[in-house]
Amino acid sequence: MFQRILAVLLLFVLIAGPVGQAYADAAPLKSGGASLLVPGLGQYLNDDQATKGGKIKMAAMIIIEIGGIVATAVLGGTVGSPLVWAVGVSILAANHLWSATDAYMRAGNGSGVSAKGTGAR
């Protein structure tokens, strides 16, 4: 079941992510796909660890991932399936989507450029 959910999420990111950027660059897809599989990997590929905020964000993603894995294991061993899907897997899915979206959006901008456009005039 988890594999089906992961496959659907991957398909969604690959189809809905590059809308409007017809084959412009492979870097955003590479970073987004890497972070979808391993949260923080796309940020590493984008060189986000070069800034303090990037380091904090990558550490948060790793901590959330470990917490989601532990929560899934503990809830699966004690309470059973419904709570595992409601809490443990939801934490993991949200973290993977956050990481993939962030890596995809920042891949073309570089680590020091804000998406708000405050530096461009």
N, C-alpha and C. Protein backbone atom coordinates (compact mmCIF):
# COMPACT_ATOMS: atom_id res chain seq x y z
N MET A 1 0.82 -1.19 0.00
CA MET A 1 0.00 0.00 0.00
C MET A 1 0.87 1.26 0.00
N PHE A 2 1.91 1.26 0.85
CA PHE A 2 2.81 2.42 0.92
C PHE A 2 3.49 2.65 -0.42
N GLN A 3 3.83 1.58 -1.12
CA GLN A 3 4.48 1.71 -2.42
C GLN A 3 3.53 2.34 -3.44
N ARG A 4 2.26 2.01 -3.35
CA ARG A 4 1.28 2.60 -4.26
C ARG A 4 1.15 4.10 -4.01
N ILE A 5 1.10 4.49 -2.74
CA ILE A 5 1.00 5.90 -2.39
C ILE A 5 2.23 6.65 -2.87
N LEU A 6 3.41 6.07 -2.65
CA LEU A 6 4.65 6.70 -3.10
C LEU A 6 4.69 6.82 -4.62
N ALA A 7 4.20 5.80 -5.32
CA ALA A 7 4.17 5.85 -6.79
C ALA A 7 3.23 6.94 -7.28
N VAL A 8 2.08 7.09 -6.64
CA VAL A 8 1.13 8.13 -7.03
C VAL A 8 1.72 9.52 -6.76
N LEU A 9 2.39 9.68 -5.62
CA LEU A 9 3.02 10.96 -5.31
C LEU A 9 4.12 11.30 -6.30
N LEU A 10 4.92 10.32 -6.65
CA LEU A 10 5.99 10.53 -7.63
C LEU A 10 5.40 10.91 -8.98
N LEU A 11 4.37 10.22 -9.38
CA LEU A 11 3.71 10.53 -10.65
C LEU A 11 3.14 11.94 -10.64
N PHE A 12 2.52 12.33 -9.52
CA PHE A 12 1.97 13.68 -9.40
C PHE A 12 3.06 14.74 -9.53
N VAL A 13 4.18 14.54 -8.85
CA VAL A 13 5.27 15.52 -8.91
C VAL A 13 5.84 15.62 -10.32
N LEU A 14 5.99 14.48 -10.96
CA LEU A 14 6.56 14.49 -12.30
C LEU A 14 5.62 15.10 -13.34
N ILE A 15 4.31 14.95 -13.14
CA ILE A 15 3.35 15.51 -14.10
C ILE A 15 3.02 16.96 -13.78
N ALA A 16 2.71 17.24 -12.52
CA ALA A 16 2.26 18.58 -12.15
C ALA A 16 3.40 19.56 -11.92
N GLY A 17 4.58 19.06 -11.58
CA GLY A 17 5.70 19.93 -11.26
C GLY A 17 6.18 20.78 -12.41
N PRO A 18 6.48 20.20 -13.57
CA PRO A 18 7.08 21.00 -14.63
C PRO A 18 6.10 21.74 -15.54
N VAL A 19 4.85 21.91 -15.13
CA VAL A 19 3.89 22.61 -15.96
C VAL A 19 4.37 24.04 -16.20
N GLY A 20 4.42 24.44 -17.46
CA GLY A 20 4.86 25.78 -17.79
C GLY A 20 6.34 25.89 -18.08
N GLN A 21 7.09 24.84 -17.87
CA GLN A 21 8.53 24.85 -18.14
C GLN A 21 8.83 23.72 -19.11
N ALA A 22 8.38 23.82 -20.31
CA ALA A 22 8.50 22.74 -21.27
C ALA A 22 9.96 22.39 -21.53
N TYR A 23 10.45 21.41 -20.82
CA TYR A 23 11.79 20.87 -21.00
C TYR A 23 12.88 21.92 -20.87
N ALA A 24 12.68 22.91 -20.03
CA ALA A 24 13.63 24.01 -19.91
C ALA A 24 14.96 23.54 -19.33
N ASP A 25 14.93 22.78 -18.24
CA ASP A 25 16.16 22.39 -17.57
C ASP A 25 15.90 21.11 -16.79
N ALA A 26 16.88 20.23 -16.77
CA ALA A 26 16.73 18.98 -16.05
C ALA A 26 17.06 19.12 -14.57
N ALA A 27 17.76 20.18 -14.17
CA ALA A 27 18.18 20.34 -12.78
C ALA A 27 17.01 20.39 -11.79
N PRO A 28 15.92 21.12 -12.06
CA PRO A 28 14.81 21.11 -11.10
C PRO A 28 14.18 19.72 -10.93
N LEU A 29 14.01 19.00 -12.02
CA LEU A 29 13.44 17.65 -11.91
C LEU A 29 14.38 16.70 -11.19
N LYS A 30 15.67 16.84 -11.45
CA LYS A 30 16.66 16.00 -10.77
C LYS A 30 16.65 16.27 -9.27
N SER A 31 16.67 17.54 -8.88
CA SER A 31 16.67 17.89 -7.47
C SER A 31 15.36 17.51 -6.79
N GLY A 32 14.24 17.79 -7.46
CA GLY A 32 12.94 17.45 -6.88
C GLY A 32 12.75 15.95 -6.73
N GLY A 33 13.15 15.19 -7.75
CA GLY A 33 13.04 13.74 -7.68
C GLY A 33 13.94 13.14 -6.62
N ALA A 34 15.15 13.68 -6.50
CA ALA A 34 16.07 13.19 -5.47
C ALA A 34 15.52 13.44 -4.08
N SER A 35 14.94 14.62 -3.86
CA SER A 35 14.36 14.93 -2.55
C SER A 35 13.06 14.19 -2.29
N LEU A 36 12.36 13.80 -3.33
CA LEU A 36 11.15 13.01 -3.13
C LEU A 36 11.52 11.64 -2.57
N LEU A 37 12.62 11.09 -3.03
CA LEU A 37 13.06 9.78 -2.55
C LEU A 37 13.78 9.87 -1.22
N VAL A 38 14.70 10.84 -1.08
CA VAL A 38 15.47 11.01 0.15
C VAL A 38 15.42 12.50 0.53
N PRO A 39 14.58 12.87 1.51
CA PRO A 39 14.46 14.28 1.88
C PRO A 39 15.82 14.88 2.25
N GLY A 40 16.12 16.03 1.66
CA GLY A 40 17.38 16.72 1.90
C GLY A 40 18.39 16.51 0.79
N LEU A 41 18.24 15.45 0.00
CA LEU A 41 19.21 15.18 -1.06
C LEU A 41 19.14 16.23 -2.16
N GLY A 42 17.96 16.65 -2.53
CA GLY A 42 17.82 17.69 -3.54
C GLY A 42 18.36 19.03 -3.06
N GLN A 43 18.19 19.31 -1.77
CA GLN A 43 18.75 20.53 -1.21
C GLN A 43 20.28 20.47 -1.25
N TYR A 44 20.83 19.29 -1.00
CA TYR A 44 22.28 19.11 -1.09
C TYR A 44 22.75 19.33 -2.52
N LEU A 45 22.01 18.79 -3.48
CA LEU A 45 22.37 18.98 -4.89
C LEU A 45 22.28 20.45 -5.30
N ASN A 46 21.38 21.20 -4.67
CA ASN A 46 21.22 22.63 -4.95
C ASN A 46 22.22 23.48 -4.16
N ASP A 47 23.06 22.84 -3.35
CA ASP A 47 24.07 23.52 -2.53
C ASP A 47 23.42 24.42 -1.47
N ASP A 48 22.29 23.98 -0.92
CA ASP A 48 21.62 24.75 0.13
C ASP A 48 22.39 24.72 1.44
N GLN A 49 23.29 23.76 1.61
CA GLN A 49 24.04 23.67 2.86
C GLN A 49 25.06 24.80 2.97
N ALA A 50 25.21 25.62 1.95
CA ALA A 50 26.15 26.73 1.97
C ALA A 50 25.66 27.88 2.84
N THR A 51 24.37 27.92 3.14
CA THR A 51 23.82 29.00 3.96
C THR A 51 23.33 28.45 5.29
N LYS A 52 23.25 29.32 6.29
CA LYS A 52 22.79 28.89 7.61
C LYS A 52 21.34 28.41 7.54
N GLY A 53 20.50 29.15 6.82
CA GLY A 53 19.10 28.74 6.68
C GLY A 53 18.96 27.41 5.97
N GLY A 54 19.81 27.16 4.98
CA GLY A 54 19.78 25.89 4.27
C GLY A 54 20.17 24.73 5.17
N LYS A 55 21.17 24.96 6.03
CA LYS A 55 21.59 23.91 6.97
C LYS A 55 20.47 23.59 7.96
N ILE A 56 19.81 24.63 8.46
CA ILE A 56 18.72 24.42 9.41
C ILE A 56 17.57 23.68 8.74
N LYS A 57 17.25 24.06 7.50
CA LYS A 57 16.15 23.42 6.78
C LYS A 57 16.47 21.94 6.52
N MET A 58 17.70 21.65 6.09
CA MET A 58 18.08 20.26 5.81
C MET A 58 18.08 19.43 7.10
N ALA A 59 18.53 20.02 8.20
CA ALA A 59 18.51 19.31 9.48
C ALA A 59 17.07 19.02 9.91
N ALA A 60 16.18 20.00 9.71
CA ALA A 60 14.77 19.80 10.06
C ALA A 60 14.16 18.66 9.24
N MET A 61 14.48 18.61 7.95
CA MET A 61 13.95 17.54 7.10
C MET A 61 14.44 16.17 7.55
N ILE A 62 15.70 16.09 7.92
CA ILE A 62 16.26 14.81 8.38
C ILE A 62 15.64 14.40 9.71
N ILE A 63 15.49 15.35 10.64
CA ILE A 63 14.88 15.04 11.94
C ILE A 63 13.42 14.62 11.78
N ILE A 64 12.68 15.31 10.93
CA ILE A 64 11.28 14.94 10.68
C ILE A 64 11.21 13.55 10.07
N GLU A 65 12.12 13.23 9.15
CA GLU A 65 12.14 11.91 8.52
C GLU A 65 12.39 10.81 9.56
N ILE A 66 13.37 11.03 10.42
CA ILE A 66 13.67 10.04 11.47
C ILE A 66 12.47 9.92 12.41
N GLY A 67 11.87 11.04 12.77
CA GLY A 67 10.69 11.01 13.64
C GLY A 67 9.52 10.28 13.00
N GLY A 68 9.32 10.48 11.71
CA GLY A 68 8.25 9.77 11.00
C GLY A 68 8.48 8.27 10.94
N ILE A 69 9.73 7.89 10.71
CA ILE A 69 10.06 6.45 10.67
C ILE A 69 9.85 5.82 12.04
N VAL A 70 10.31 6.49 13.09
CA VAL A 70 10.13 5.97 14.46
C VAL A 70 8.66 5.91 14.82
N ALA A 71 7.91 6.97 14.50
CA ALA A 71 6.47 6.99 14.81
C ALA A 71 5.74 5.86 14.08
N THR A 72 6.11 5.64 12.83
CA THR A 72 5.47 4.56 12.06
C THR A 72 5.78 3.20 12.68
N ALA A 73 7.02 2.99 13.06
CA ALA A 73 7.41 1.71 13.65
C ALA A 73 6.74 1.49 15.01
N VAL A 74 6.73 2.52 15.84
CA VAL A 74 6.14 2.38 17.18
C VAL A 74 4.63 2.19 17.08
N LEU A 75 3.97 3.02 16.28
CA LEU A 75 2.52 2.90 16.16
C LEU A 75 2.13 1.59 15.48
N GLY A 76 2.91 1.14 14.53
CA GLY A 76 2.61 -0.13 13.86
C GLY A 76 2.75 -1.32 14.79
N GLY A 77 3.68 -1.21 15.73
CA GLY A 77 3.88 -2.32 16.66
C GLY A 77 2.95 -2.32 17.84
N THR A 78 2.34 -1.16 18.13
CA THR A 78 1.49 -1.09 19.32
C THR A 78 0.01 -0.97 19.00
N VAL A 79 -0.37 0.00 18.20
CA VAL A 79 -1.79 0.25 18.00
C VAL A 79 -2.37 -0.39 16.76
N GLY A 80 -1.65 -0.43 15.70
CA GLY A 80 -2.16 -1.06 14.50
C GLY A 80 -2.27 -0.12 13.32
N SER A 81 -2.87 -0.62 12.30
CA SER A 81 -2.86 0.00 10.98
C SER A 81 -3.49 1.38 10.85
N PRO A 82 -4.71 1.64 11.33
CA PRO A 82 -5.31 2.94 11.05
C PRO A 82 -4.49 4.13 11.57
N LEU A 83 -3.96 4.01 12.77
CA LEU A 83 -3.19 5.10 13.33
C LEU A 83 -1.84 5.24 12.64
N VAL A 84 -1.29 4.14 12.16
CA VAL A 84 -0.03 4.20 11.42
C VAL A 84 -0.21 5.04 10.17
N TRP A 85 -1.30 4.81 9.45
CA TRP A 85 -1.54 5.56 8.22
C TRP A 85 -1.90 7.00 8.53
N ALA A 86 -2.63 7.23 9.60
CA ALA A 86 -3.07 8.58 9.92
C ALA A 86 -1.93 9.47 10.42
N VAL A 87 -1.00 8.90 11.16
CA VAL A 87 0.05 9.72 11.77
C VAL A 87 1.41 9.46 11.13
N GLY A 88 1.90 8.25 11.28
CA GLY A 88 3.27 7.95 10.85
C GLY A 88 3.53 8.18 9.38
N VAL A 89 2.71 7.60 8.53
CA VAL A 89 2.92 7.72 7.09
C VAL A 89 2.59 9.13 6.61
N SER A 90 1.65 9.81 7.27
CA SER A 90 1.33 11.19 6.90
C SER A 90 2.53 12.11 7.15
N ILE A 91 3.24 11.89 8.25
CA ILE A 91 4.44 12.68 8.54
C ILE A 91 5.47 12.45 7.44
N LEU A 92 5.68 11.20 7.08
CA LEU A 92 6.67 10.88 6.04
C LEU A 92 6.27 11.49 4.69
N ALA A 93 5.02 11.33 4.31
CA ALA A 93 4.56 11.85 3.02
C ALA A 93 4.68 13.37 2.97
N ALA A 94 4.28 14.05 4.03
CA ALA A 94 4.37 15.50 4.06
C ALA A 94 5.82 15.97 3.98
N ASN A 95 6.72 15.28 4.67
CA ASN A 95 8.13 15.65 4.64
C ASN A 95 8.73 15.45 3.25
N HIS A 96 8.39 14.33 2.60
CA HIS A 96 8.91 14.07 1.26
C HIS A 96 8.38 15.10 0.26
N LEU A 97 7.11 15.44 0.37
CA LEU A 97 6.54 16.45 -0.54
C LEU A 97 7.13 17.83 -0.30
N TRP A 98 7.32 18.20 0.97
CA TRP A 98 7.93 19.49 1.28
C TRP A 98 9.35 19.56 0.72
N SER A 99 10.11 18.51 0.95
CA SER A 99 11.50 18.48 0.49
C SER A 99 11.57 18.53 -1.04
N ALA A 100 10.73 17.74 -1.71
CA ALA A 100 10.75 17.70 -3.17
C ALA A 100 10.31 19.04 -3.77
N THR A 101 9.27 19.64 -3.21
CA THR A 101 8.80 20.92 -3.71
C THR A 101 9.84 22.01 -3.51
N ASP A 102 10.44 22.04 -2.34
CA ASP A 102 11.46 23.05 -2.05
C ASP A 102 12.67 22.89 -2.97
N ALA A 103 13.13 21.66 -3.16
CA ALA A 103 14.30 21.43 -4.03
C ALA A 103 13.98 21.79 -5.47
N TYR A 104 12.79 21.45 -5.92
CA TYR A 104 12.39 21.76 -7.30
C TYR A 104 12.32 23.27 -7.51
N MET A 105 11.72 23.98 -6.57
CA MET A 105 11.55 25.43 -6.71
C MET A 105 12.87 26.18 -6.64
N ARG A 106 13.80 25.69 -5.86
CA ARG A 106 15.07 26.39 -5.67
C ARG A 106 16.15 25.95 -6.65
N ALA A 107 15.93 24.93 -7.42
CA ALA A 107 16.98 24.40 -8.31
C ALA A 107 17.41 25.43 -9.35
N GLY A 108 16.49 26.20 -9.87
CA GLY A 108 16.85 27.19 -10.88
C GLY A 108 17.32 28.50 -10.30
N ASN A 109 17.06 28.73 -9.01
CA ASN A 109 17.37 30.02 -8.39
C ASN A 109 18.74 30.10 -7.77
N GLY A 110 19.34 28.99 -7.40
CA GLY A 110 20.58 29.03 -6.64
C GLY A 110 20.27 29.16 -5.17
N SER A 111 21.26 28.91 -4.31
CA SER A 111 20.99 28.85 -2.88
C SER A 111 20.79 30.22 -2.24
N GLY A 112 21.29 31.28 -2.84
CA GLY A 112 21.21 32.57 -2.18
C GLY A 112 20.12 33.47 -2.71
N VAL A 113 19.32 33.04 -3.64
CA VAL A 113 18.32 33.89 -4.26
C VAL A 113 16.96 33.60 -3.65
N SER A 114 16.25 34.62 -3.29
CA SER A 114 14.94 34.47 -2.69
C SER A 114 13.88 34.32 -3.78
N ALA A 115 12.87 33.52 -3.52
CA ALA A 115 11.77 33.36 -4.47
C ALA A 115 10.89 34.60 -4.50
N LYS A 116 11.03 35.49 -3.52
CA LYS A 116 10.21 36.69 -3.45
C LYS A 116 10.67 37.74 -4.45
N GLY A 117 11.89 37.63 -4.93
CA GLY A 117 12.38 38.59 -5.92
C GLY A 117 12.82 39.90 -5.33
N THR A 118 13.24 39.91 -4.06
CA THR A 118 13.62 41.16 -3.44
C THR A 118 14.92 41.73 -4.01
N GLY A 119 15.77 40.88 -4.58
CA GLY A 119 17.04 41.36 -5.11
C GLY A 119 16.95 41.83 -6.56
N ALA A 120 15.92 41.47 -7.28
CA ALA A 120 15.78 41.82 -8.69
C ALA A 120 14.99 43.12 -8.84
N ARG A 121 15.47 43.96 -9.74
CA ARG A 121 14.75 45.22 -10.00
C ARG A 121 14.64 45.44 -11.47
